[in-house]
PDB file of N, CA and C in Angstrom:
ATOM      1  N   MET A   1       6.772  72.081 -17.726  1.00  0.00           N
ATOM      2  CA  MET A   1       5.653  72.371 -18.605  1.00  0.00           C
ATOM      3  C   MET A   1       5.051  71.056 -19.117  1.00  0.00           C
ATOM      4  N   SER A   2       3.775  71.009 -19.186  1.00  0.00           N
ATOM      5  CA  SER A   2       3.072  69.801 -19.619  1.00  0.00           C
ATOM      6  C   SER A   2       3.217  69.600 -21.127  1.00  0.00           C
ATOM      7  N   ALA A   3       3.278  68.350 -21.529  1.00  0.00           N
ATOM      8  CA  ALA A   3       3.400  68.013 -22.944  1.00  0.00           C
ATOM      9  C   ALA A   3       2.039  67.843 -23.610  1.00  0.00           C
ATOM     10  N   ILE A   4       0.955  68.046 -22.852  1.00  0.00           N
ATOM     11  CA  ILE A   4      -0.396  67.856 -23.384  1.00  0.00           C
ATOM     12  C   ILE A   4      -0.674  68.781 -24.580  1.00  0.00           C
ATOM     13  N   PRO A   5      -0.349  70.080 -24.520  1.00  0.00           N
ATOM     14  CA  PRO A   5      -0.636  70.932 -25.691  1.00  0.00           C
ATOM     15  C   PRO A   5       0.093  70.482 -26.952  1.00  0.00           C
ATOM     16  N   PHE A   6       1.310  69.986 -26.796  1.00  0.00           N
ATOM     17  CA  PHE A   6       2.067  69.538 -27.959  1.00  0.00           C
ATOM     18  C   PHE A   6       1.445  68.285 -28.566  1.00  0.00           C
ATOM     19  N   ARG A   7       0.956  67.412 -27.725  1.00  0.00           N
ATOM     20  CA  ARG A   7       0.279  66.218 -28.230  1.00  0.00           C
ATOM     21  C   ARG A   7      -1.033  66.578 -28.912  1.00  0.00           C
ATOM     22  N   ALA A   8      -1.725  67.573 -28.374  1.00  0.00           N
ATOM     23  CA  ALA A   8      -2.984  68.012 -28.989  1.00  0.00           C
ATOM     24  C   ALA A   8      -2.737  68.601 -30.373  1.00  0.00           C
ATOM     25  N   ILE A   9      -1.669  69.337 -30.531  1.00  0.00           N
ATOM     26  CA  ILE A   9      -1.326  69.898 -31.841  1.00  0.00           C
ATOM     27  C   ILE A   9      -1.026  68.770 -32.826  1.00  0.00           C
ATOM     28  N   GLY A  10      -0.276  67.769 -32.383  1.00  0.00           N
ATOM     29  CA  GLY A  10       0.031  66.632 -33.245  1.00  0.00           C
ATOM     30  C   GLY A  10      -1.213  65.847 -33.637  1.00  0.00           C
ATOM     31  N   ALA A  11      -2.130  65.664 -32.690  1.00  0.00           N
ATOM     32  CA  ALA A  11      -3.374  64.944 -32.995  1.00  0.00           C
ATOM     33  C   ALA A  11      -4.236  65.742 -33.961  1.00  0.00           C
ATOM     34  N   GLY A  12      -4.283  67.046 -33.805  1.00  0.00           N
ATOM     35  CA  GLY A  12      -5.073  67.886 -34.699  1.00  0.00           C
ATOM     36  C   GLY A  12      -4.519  67.941 -36.104  1.00  0.00           C
ATOM     37  N   SER A  13      -3.219  67.763 -36.226  1.00  0.00           N
ATOM     38  CA  SER A  13      -2.617  67.832 -37.561  1.00  0.00           C
ATOM     39  C   SER A  13      -2.899  66.589 -38.394  1.00  0.00           C
ATOM     40  N   MET A  14      -3.362  65.525 -37.755  1.00  0.00           N
ATOM     41  CA  MET A  14      -3.589  64.288 -38.499  1.00  0.00           C
ATOM     42  C   MET A  14      -5.062  63.928 -38.626  1.00  0.00           C
ATOM     43  N   VAL A  15      -5.944  64.873 -38.390  1.00  0.00           N
ATOM     44  CA  VAL A  15      -7.369  64.548 -38.349  1.00  0.00           C
ATOM     45  C   VAL A  15      -7.889  64.095 -39.707  1.00  0.00           C
ATOM     46  N   VAL A  16      -7.684  64.828 -40.749  1.00  0.00           N
ATOM     47  CA  VAL A  16      -8.185  64.415 -42.062  1.00  0.00           C
ATOM     48  C   VAL A  16      -7.073  64.587 -43.089  1.00  0.00           C
ATOM     49  N   SER A  17      -6.740  63.498 -43.737  1.00  0.00           N
ATOM     50  CA  SER A  17      -5.760  63.519 -44.813  1.00  0.00           C
ATOM     51  C   SER A  17      -6.532  63.493 -46.125  1.00  0.00           C
ATOM     52  N   HIS A  18      -6.297  64.479 -46.960  1.00  0.00           N
ATOM     53  CA  HIS A  18      -7.054  64.603 -48.202  1.00  0.00           C
ATOM     54  C   HIS A  18      -6.089  64.645 -49.379  1.00  0.00           C
ATOM     55  N   ALA A  19      -6.585  64.859 -50.560  1.00  0.00           N
ATOM     56  CA  ALA A  19      -5.793  64.757 -51.791  1.00  0.00           C
ATOM     57  C   ALA A  19      -4.680  65.796 -51.900  1.00  0.00           C
ATOM     58  N   ASN A  20      -4.734  66.868 -51.136  1.00  0.00           N
ATOM     59  CA  ASN A  20      -3.652  67.851 -51.200  1.00  0.00           C
ATOM     60  C   ASN A  20      -2.530  67.531 -50.214  1.00  0.00           C
ATOM     61  N   ASP A  21      -2.600  66.377 -49.583  1.00  0.00           N
ATOM     62  CA  ASP A  21      -1.609  65.947 -48.609  1.00  0.00           C
ATOM     63  C   ASP A  21      -0.763  64.826 -49.217  1.00  0.00           C
ATOM     64  N   SER A  22       0.545  64.920 -49.076  1.00  0.00           N
ATOM     65  CA  SER A  22       1.407  63.885 -49.649  1.00  0.00           C
ATOM     66  C   SER A  22       1.193  62.532 -48.968  1.00  0.00           C
ATOM     67  N   TYR A  23       0.821  62.538 -47.703  1.00  0.00           N
ATOM     68  CA  TYR A  23       0.535  61.285 -46.998  1.00  0.00           C
ATOM     69  C   TYR A  23      -0.611  60.533 -47.668  1.00  0.00           C
ATOM     70  N   PHE A  24      -1.610  61.269 -48.135  1.00  0.00           N
ATOM     71  CA  PHE A  24      -2.732  60.661 -48.853  1.00  0.00           C
ATOM     72  C   PHE A  24      -2.233  59.919 -50.086  1.00  0.00           C
ATOM     73  N   TRP A  25      -1.364  60.546 -50.850  1.00  0.00           N
ATOM     74  CA  TRP A  25      -0.883  59.933 -52.086  1.00  0.00           C
ATOM     75  C   TRP A  25       0.034  58.755 -51.813  1.00  0.00           C
ATOM     76  N   VAL A  26       0.845  58.837 -50.773  1.00  0.00           N
ATOM     77  CA  VAL A  26       1.715  57.711 -50.442  1.00  0.00           C
ATOM     78  C   VAL A  26       0.880  56.490 -50.077  1.00  0.00           C
ATOM     79  N   VAL A  27      -0.110  56.674 -49.228  1.00  0.00           N
ATOM     80  CA  VAL A  27      -0.938  55.544 -48.792  1.00  0.00           C
ATOM     81  C   VAL A  27      -1.749  54.989 -49.946  1.00  0.00           C
ATOM     82  N   THR A  28      -2.389  55.841 -50.742  1.00  0.00           N
ATOM     83  CA  THR A  28      -3.236  55.333 -51.818  1.00  0.00           C
ATOM     84  C   THR A  28      -2.418  54.657 -52.912  1.00  0.00           C
ATOM     85  N   GLN A  29      -1.283  55.202 -53.264  1.00  0.00           N
ATOM     86  CA  GLN A  29      -0.476  54.608 -54.331  1.00  0.00           C
ATOM     87  C   GLN A  29       0.195  53.315 -53.893  1.00  0.00           C
ATOM     88  N   LEU A  30       0.718  53.265 -52.674  1.00  0.00           N
ATOM     89  CA  LEU A  30       1.402  52.056 -52.221  1.00  0.00           C
ATOM     90  C   LEU A  30       0.440  50.926 -51.884  1.00  0.00           C
ATOM     91  N   SER A  31      -0.803  51.254 -51.599  1.00  0.00           N
ATOM     92  CA  SER A  31      -1.780  50.201 -51.310  1.00  0.00           C
ATOM     93  C   SER A  31      -2.586  49.812 -52.543  1.00  0.00           C
ATOM     94  N   GLY A  32      -2.381  50.507 -53.652  1.00  0.00           N
ATOM     95  CA  GLY A  32      -3.064  50.164 -54.893  1.00  0.00           C
ATOM     96  C   GLY A  32      -4.504  50.653 -54.973  1.00  0.00           C
ATOM     97  N   MET A  33      -4.865  51.604 -54.150  1.00  0.00           N
ATOM     98  CA  MET A  33      -6.231  52.146 -54.190  1.00  0.00           C
ATOM     99  C   MET A  33      -6.368  53.173 -55.301  1.00  0.00           C
ATOM    100  N   ASP A  34      -7.559  53.250 -55.881  1.00  0.00           N
ATOM    101  CA  ASP A  34      -7.822  54.358 -56.783  1.00  0.00           C
ATOM    102  C   ASP A  34      -8.241  55.564 -55.931  1.00  0.00           C
ATOM    103  N   VAL A  35      -8.332  56.726 -56.548  1.00  0.00           N
ATOM    104  CA  VAL A  35      -8.566  57.964 -55.800  1.00  0.00           C
ATOM    105  C   VAL A  35      -9.908  57.969 -55.071  1.00  0.00           C
ATOM    106  N   PRO A  36     -11.034  57.587 -55.679  1.00  0.00           N
ATOM    107  CA  PRO A  36     -12.298  57.585 -54.923  1.00  0.00           C
ATOM    108  C   PRO A  36     -12.281  56.646 -53.711  1.00  0.00           C
ATOM    109  N   THR A  37     -11.665  55.492 -53.865  1.00  0.00           N
ATOM    110  CA  THR A  37     -11.543  54.577 -52.723  1.00  0.00           C
ATOM    111  C   THR A  37     -10.645  55.178 -51.654  1.00  0.00           C
ATOM    112  N   GLY A  38      -9.595  55.850 -52.089  1.00  0.00           N
ATOM    113  CA  GLY A  38      -8.705  56.532 -51.147  1.00  0.00           C
ATOM    114  C   GLY A  38      -9.416  57.616 -50.371  1.00  0.00           C
ATOM    115  N   TYR A  39     -10.296  58.363 -51.046  1.00  0.00           N
ATOM    116  CA  TYR A  39     -11.078  59.382 -50.347  1.00  0.00           C
ATOM    117  C   TYR A  39     -11.898  58.761 -49.226  1.00  0.00           C
ATOM    118  N   ARG A  40     -12.563  57.659 -49.533  1.00  0.00           N
ATOM    119  CA  ARG A  40     -13.428  57.028 -48.527  1.00  0.00           C
ATOM    120  C   ARG A  40     -12.613  56.400 -47.401  1.00  0.00           C
ATOM    121  N   CYS A  41     -11.652  55.585 -47.745  1.00  0.00           N
ATOM    122  CA  CYS A  41     -10.923  54.806 -46.737  1.00  0.00           C
ATOM    123  C   CYS A  41      -9.898  55.637 -45.968  1.00  0.00           C
ATOM    124  N   GLN A  42      -9.039  56.324 -46.679  1.00  0.00           N
ATOM    125  CA  GLN A  42      -7.954  57.078 -46.047  1.00  0.00           C
ATOM    126  C   GLN A  42      -8.484  58.250 -45.242  1.00  0.00           C
ATOM    127  N   THR A  43      -9.433  58.986 -45.804  1.00  0.00           N
ATOM    128  CA  THR A  43      -9.950  60.153 -45.101  1.00  0.00           C
ATOM    129  C   THR A  43     -10.707  59.739 -43.844  1.00  0.00           C
ATOM    130  N   MET A  44     -11.549  58.717 -43.939  1.00  0.00           N
ATOM    131  CA  MET A  44     -12.289  58.266 -42.762  1.00  0.00           C
ATOM    132  C   MET A  44     -11.357  57.608 -41.738  1.00  0.00           C
ATOM    133  N   GLY A  45     -10.369  56.881 -42.198  1.00  0.00           N
ATOM    134  CA  GLY A  45      -9.414  56.256 -41.279  1.00  0.00           C
ATOM    135  C   GLY A  45      -8.612  57.277 -40.503  1.00  0.00           C
ATOM    136  N   SER A  46      -8.145  58.310 -41.188  1.00  0.00           N
ATOM    137  CA  SER A  46      -7.384  59.345 -40.488  1.00  0.00           C
ATOM    138  C   SER A  46      -8.287  60.181 -39.585  1.00  0.00           C
ATOM    139  N   LEU A  47      -9.555  60.329 -39.941  1.00  0.00           N
ATOM    140  CA  LEU A  47     -10.499  61.031 -39.069  1.00  0.00           C
ATOM    141  C   LEU A  47     -10.692  60.266 -37.762  1.00  0.00           C
ATOM    142  N   VAL A  48     -10.893  58.961 -37.862  1.00  0.00           N
ATOM    143  CA  VAL A  48     -11.064  58.134 -36.659  1.00  0.00           C
ATOM    144  C   VAL A  48      -9.798  58.168 -35.805  1.00  0.00           C
ATOM    145  N   THR A  49      -8.638  58.085 -36.439  1.00  0.00           N
ATOM    146  CA  THR A  49      -7.377  58.126 -35.704  1.00  0.00           C
ATOM    147  C   THR A  49      -7.194  59.458 -34.975  1.00  0.00           C
ATOM    148  N   GLY A  50      -7.448  60.556 -35.655  1.00  0.00           N
ATOM    149  CA  GLY A  50      -7.289  61.868 -35.034  1.00  0.00           C
ATOM    150  C   GLY A  50      -8.271  62.114 -33.907  1.00  0.00           C
ATOM    151  N   LEU A  51      -9.529  61.715 -34.101  1.00  0.00           N
ATOM    152  CA  LEU A  51     -10.525  61.908 -33.049  1.00  0.00           C
ATOM    153  C   LEU A  51     -10.231  61.028 -31.833  1.00  0.00           C
ATOM    154  N   THR A  52      -9.777  59.809 -32.069  1.00  0.00           N
ATOM    155  CA  THR A  52      -9.400  58.939 -30.963  1.00  0.00           C
ATOM    156  C   THR A  52      -8.221  59.527 -30.196  1.00  0.00           C
ATOM    157  N   ALA A  53      -7.251  60.065 -30.918  1.00  0.00           N
ATOM    158  CA  ALA A  53      -6.081  60.659 -30.274  1.00  0.00           C
ATOM    159  C   ALA A  53      -6.474  61.851 -29.415  1.00  0.00           C
ATOM    160  N   ILE A  54      -7.367  62.706 -29.898  1.00  0.00           N
ATOM    161  CA  ILE A  54      -7.726  63.880 -29.110  1.00  0.00           C
ATOM    162  C   ILE A  54      -8.543  63.492 -27.883  1.00  0.00           C
ATOM    163  N   VAL A  55      -9.369  62.453 -27.994  1.00  0.00           N
ATOM    164  CA  VAL A  55     -10.123  61.983 -26.823  1.00  0.00           C
ATOM    165  C   VAL A  55      -9.159  61.441 -25.761  1.00  0.00           C
ATOM    166  N   VAL A  56      -8.177  60.669 -26.180  1.00  0.00           N
ATOM    167  CA  VAL A  56      -7.183  60.141 -25.242  1.00  0.00           C
ATOM    168  C   VAL A  56      -6.401  61.273 -24.601  1.00  0.00           C
ATOM    169  N   ILE A  57      -6.053  62.288 -25.363  1.00  0.00           N
ATOM    170  CA  ILE A  57      -5.303  63.420 -24.835  1.00  0.00           C
ATOM    171  C   ILE A  57      -6.134  64.202 -23.818  1.00  0.00           C
ATOM    172  N   VAL A  58      -7.409  64.378 -24.101  1.00  0.00           N
ATOM    173  CA  VAL A  58      -8.291  65.075 -23.147  1.00  0.00           C
ATOM    174  C   VAL A  58      -8.392  64.290 -21.841  1.00  0.00           C
ATOM    175  N   ILE A  59      -8.550  62.984 -21.952  1.00  0.00           N
ATOM    176  CA  ILE A  59      -8.622  62.145 -20.741  1.00  0.00           C
ATOM    177  C   ILE A  59      -7.311  62.212 -19.954  1.00  0.00           C
ATOM    178  N   LEU A  60      -6.185  62.138 -20.650  1.00  0.00           N
ATOM    179  CA  LEU A  60      -4.889  62.275 -19.976  1.00  0.00           C
ATOM    180  C   LEU A  60      -4.744  63.650 -19.342  1.00  0.00           C
ATOM    181  N   GLY A  61      -5.272  64.673 -20.005  1.00  0.00           N
ATOM    182  CA  GLY A  61      -5.208  66.020 -19.429  1.00  0.00           C
ATOM    183  C   GLY A  61      -5.985  66.111 -18.125  1.00  0.00           C
ATOM    184  N   TRP A  62      -7.134  65.444 -18.057  1.00  0.00           N
ATOM    185  CA  TRP A  62      -7.919  65.442 -16.817  1.00  0.00           C
ATOM    186  C   TRP A  62      -7.187  64.700 -15.707  1.00  0.00           C
ATOM    187  N   ILE A  63      -6.523  63.627 -16.061  1.00  0.00           N
ATOM    188  CA  ILE A  63      -5.835  62.817 -15.059  1.00  0.00           C
ATOM    189  C   ILE A  63      -4.560  63.492 -14.582  1.00  0.00           C
ATOM    190  N   LEU A  64      -3.789  64.057 -15.496  1.00  0.00           N
ATOM    191  CA  LEU A  64      -2.470  64.592 -15.162  1.00  0.00           C
ATOM    192  C   LEU A  64      -2.480  66.028 -14.647  1.00  0.00           C
ATOM    193  N   ILE A  65      -3.539  66.757 -14.917  1.00  0.00           N
ATOM    194  CA  ILE A  65      -3.555  68.170 -14.486  1.00  0.00           C
ATOM    195  C   ILE A  65      -4.380  68.318 -13.238  1.00  0.00           C
TER     196      ILE A  65
END
């Protein structure tokens, strides 16, 4: 069985980290960001990471399947 669906689920789970996510609070508190800065930086950063991951997974799916 291909591992592509499992990777897609993992990429989708990290698309946007917001204030109701503990990961958001860990990153903002340990980096010294205030909440509005955390909204801008953390949310957009995790969006870019998740979208990049899903694009890579789609490309791998085309190559491997």
